Amino acid sequence: MLFFYLINHTIMKTISNYRKNFFSLFTATLMVSSVMLTSCDKDDEIEDIDDDKYTLSGNATGAKEIPSNMSAAAATLTGTYDAGNNSLNYTINWTGLSNVATAAHFHGPATATETADPLVDITIGTNGINGNASGTVTVTDAFEVALLTGKVYYNIHTALYPGGEIRSQVASTKQ
């Protein structure tokens, strides 16, 4: 009988030790996993542009249009882009157009040597040979990608140049 008692006691002690070791190992694994998951947070590894702000600029001329032209007109774009709310603010001032502006757009995606369809219409304020446009637009994710990779341009159209009299790529600089 003593023999069975010793065997039973040994087995129970072994099971108890396994159980303690298992729970200790399980707890340690949970703690290590928790630390690893917190330290591998995506925001720590990859820059998040959602809160970034950018300054926009671009100087348009006829030489930058495709095809280029001999227009003496020029325009300057200034603005900002807030990636947190996809808000683009712009002001464009131009001088010397061949006639009043018939339209103005942001186009993309396209490099300086390519053309693309309009992405957003530009609201013309004061229209004439000299004039301006300003506004705020909410842009799509595709527009944002094109803008931040230098593949958005703006141009101003006139009756003499229906495809665009002057053009400039829009440069974005992180603030």
Protein backbone atom coordinates (compact mmCIF):
# COMPACT_ATOMS: atom_id res chain seq x y z
CA MET A 1 0.00 0.00 0.00
CA LEU A 2 2.84 2.34 0.80
CA PHE A 3 4.19 1.62 -2.63
CA PHE A 4 0.96 2.81 -4.33
CA TYR A 5 0.88 5.88 -2.11
CA LEU A 6 4.42 6.84 -3.12
CA ILE A 7 3.73 6.30 -6.80
CA ASN A 8 0.46 8.26 -6.62
CA HIS A 9 2.17 11.05 -4.65
CA THR A 10 5.04 11.20 -7.18
CA ILE A 11 2.65 11.31 -10.13
CA MET A 12 0.53 14.04 -8.52
CA LYS A 13 3.62 16.10 -7.69
CA THR A 14 4.90 15.73 -11.26
CA ILE A 15 1.54 16.83 -12.67
CA SER A 16 1.49 19.78 -10.28
CA ASN A 17 5.00 20.80 -11.37
CA TYR A 18 4.03 20.52 -15.04
CA ARG A 19 0.94 22.63 -14.37
CA LYS A 20 3.00 25.31 -12.58
CA ASN A 21 5.63 25.30 -15.32
CA PHE A 22 2.96 25.45 -18.01
CA PHE A 23 1.23 28.46 -16.45
CA SER A 24 4.56 30.20 -15.85
CA LEU A 25 5.59 29.60 -19.44
CA PHE A 26 2.14 30.66 -20.70
CA THR A 27 2.25 33.90 -18.67
CA ALA A 28 5.78 34.68 -19.87
CA THR A 29 4.75 34.07 -23.49
CA LEU A 30 1.80 36.45 -23.14
CA MET A 31 4.01 39.15 -21.64
CA VAL A 32 6.65 38.84 -24.38
CA SER A 33 3.98 38.85 -27.10
CA SER A 34 2.39 41.94 -25.60
CA VAL A 35 5.71 43.79 -25.54
CA MET A 36 6.48 42.78 -29.12
CA LEU A 37 3.09 43.88 -30.40
CA THR A 38 3.33 47.26 -28.70
CA SER A 39 6.87 47.91 -29.87
CA CYS A 40 6.00 47.02 -33.47
CA ASP A 41 3.32 49.67 -33.75
CA LYS A 42 2.96 50.71 -37.40
CA ASP A 43 3.27 54.41 -36.55
CA ASP A 44 6.76 53.81 -35.13
CA GLU A 45 8.01 52.10 -38.28
CA ILE A 46 6.25 53.94 -41.11
CA GLU A 47 5.76 57.68 -41.32
CA ASP A 48 2.07 58.48 -41.13
CA ILE A 49 1.17 61.35 -43.47
CA ASP A 50 -2.37 61.77 -42.11
CA ASP A 51 -1.36 64.73 -39.94
CA ASP A 52 1.15 66.31 -42.33
CA LYS A 53 0.74 69.74 -43.88
CA TYR A 54 2.32 70.87 -47.13
CA THR A 55 3.05 74.19 -48.82
CA LEU A 56 2.10 74.25 -52.51
CA SER A 57 3.65 76.31 -55.29
CA GLY A 58 3.93 76.48 -59.06
CA ASN A 59 4.83 79.07 -61.71
CA ALA A 60 2.94 78.59 -64.98
CA THR A 61 4.10 79.66 -68.44
CA GLY A 62 3.27 78.84 -72.04
CA ALA A 63 6.61 77.07 -72.42
CA LYS A 64 5.46 74.46 -69.87
CA GLU A 65 2.23 73.65 -71.76
CA ILE A 66 2.07 70.55 -73.97
CA PRO A 67 2.53 71.45 -76.72
CA SER A 68 4.44 74.52 -75.62
CA ASN A 69 3.41 77.92 -76.96
CA MET A 70 4.75 81.47 -77.21
CA SER A 71 2.29 83.04 -74.75
CA ALA A 72 3.79 85.84 -72.64
CA ALA A 73 1.31 85.02 -69.83
CA ALA A 74 2.45 83.83 -66.43
CA ALA A 75 0.75 82.61 -63.25
CA THR A 76 1.79 81.88 -59.70
CA LEU A 77 0.11 79.31 -57.47
CA THR A 78 0.45 79.41 -53.69
CA GLY A 79 -1.43 77.19 -51.31
CA THR A 80 -1.48 74.52 -48.66
CA TYR A 81 -2.51 70.91 -48.39
CA ASP A 82 -3.64 69.33 -45.10
CA ALA A 83 -3.37 65.55 -45.35
CA GLY A 84 -5.35 65.14 -42.12
CA ASN A 85 -8.58 66.31 -43.73
CA ASN A 86 -7.60 66.15 -47.44
CA SER A 87 -8.12 69.90 -47.73
CA LEU A 88 -6.30 71.81 -50.48
CA ASN A 89 -6.34 75.63 -50.37
CA TYR A 90 -5.06 77.51 -53.39
CA THR A 91 -4.62 80.99 -54.79
CA ILE A 92 -3.55 81.58 -58.38
CA ASN A 93 -2.72 85.00 -59.83
CA TRP A 94 -2.08 85.44 -63.55
CA THR A 95 -1.06 88.19 -65.92
CA GLY A 96 -0.89 88.59 -69.69
CA LEU A 97 -3.32 85.94 -70.95
CA SER A 98 -4.31 86.25 -74.60
CA ASN A 99 -7.94 86.71 -73.49
CA VAL A 100 -10.19 85.89 -70.54
CA ALA A 101 -9.79 82.45 -68.99
CA THR A 102 -12.35 79.95 -70.25
CA ALA A 103 -11.43 77.29 -67.66
CA ALA A 104 -8.75 76.25 -65.20
CA HIS A 105 -8.06 72.82 -63.69
CA PHE A 106 -5.78 70.68 -61.60
CA HIS A 107 -4.80 67.69 -63.77
CA GLY A 108 -3.08 64.41 -63.01
CA PRO A 109 -1.44 62.12 -62.59
CA ALA A 110 1.17 63.30 -65.07
CA THR A 111 4.81 64.31 -65.13
CA ALA A 112 5.91 67.64 -66.63
CA THR A 113 6.13 66.00 -70.06
CA GLU A 114 2.73 64.28 -69.95
CA THR A 115 -0.90 65.34 -70.07
CA ALA A 116 -3.80 64.01 -68.01
CA ASP A 117 -7.49 64.52 -67.47
CA PRO A 118 -8.70 67.18 -65.04
CA LEU A 119 -8.96 66.06 -61.41
CA VAL A 120 -10.55 69.22 -59.97
CA ASP A 121 -11.94 72.40 -61.49
CA ILE A 122 -10.35 75.64 -60.32
CA THR A 123 -12.84 78.37 -59.39
CA ILE A 124 -12.01 81.58 -61.26
CA GLY A 125 -12.53 84.70 -59.16
CA THR A 126 -11.51 87.73 -61.19
CA ASN A 127 -11.51 86.83 -64.86
CA GLY A 128 -9.59 88.76 -67.44
CA ILE A 129 -6.21 89.01 -69.10
CA ASN A 130 -5.02 89.56 -65.55
CA GLY A 131 -6.97 87.69 -62.92
CA ASN A 132 -7.04 85.29 -60.04
CA ALA A 133 -8.60 82.14 -58.72
CA SER A 134 -8.83 80.82 -55.20
CA GLY A 135 -10.66 78.15 -53.31
CA THR A 136 -10.62 75.18 -51.03
CA VAL A 137 -11.31 71.66 -52.27
CA THR A 138 -11.40 68.26 -50.62
CA VAL A 139 -9.32 65.87 -52.67
CA THR A 140 -9.46 62.12 -53.19
CA ASP A 141 -6.77 59.66 -52.15
CA ALA A 142 -5.70 59.32 -55.79
CA PHE A 143 -5.30 63.12 -56.04
CA GLU A 144 -3.26 63.11 -52.81
CA VAL A 145 -0.89 60.43 -54.10
CA ALA A 146 -0.41 62.29 -57.38
CA LEU A 147 0.11 65.61 -55.56
CA LEU A 148 2.70 64.29 -53.12
CA THR A 149 4.63 62.54 -55.91
CA GLY A 150 4.80 65.67 -58.09
CA LYS A 151 2.29 64.43 -60.66
CA VAL A 152 -0.35 67.17 -60.43
CA TYR A 153 -0.29 70.23 -62.66
CA TYR A 154 -2.58 73.18 -63.12
CA ASN A 155 -3.33 75.08 -66.28
CA ILE A 156 -5.45 77.95 -67.49
CA HIS A 157 -7.38 77.71 -70.76
CA THR A 158 -8.36 80.54 -73.14
CA ALA A 159 -10.19 80.70 -76.47
CA LEU A 160 -6.88 81.02 -78.32
CA TYR A 161 -5.43 78.05 -76.38
CA PRO A 162 -8.36 75.71 -75.63
CA GLY A 163 -6.01 72.95 -74.43
CA GLY A 164 -4.31 75.36 -72.03
CA GLU A 165 -2.38 78.60 -72.43
CA ILE A 166 -0.14 78.27 -69.39
CA ARG A 167 0.79 75.37 -67.14
CA SER A 168 2.87 74.41 -64.12
CA GLN A 169 3.50 71.29 -62.06
CA VAL A 170 2.38 71.75 -58.46
CA ALA A 171 5.26 71.38 -56.02
CA SER A 172 4.44 70.21 -52.48
CA THR A 173 6.87 70.85 -49.63
CA LYS A 174 6.27 69.35 -46.20
CA GLN A 175 5.90 72.06 -43.55
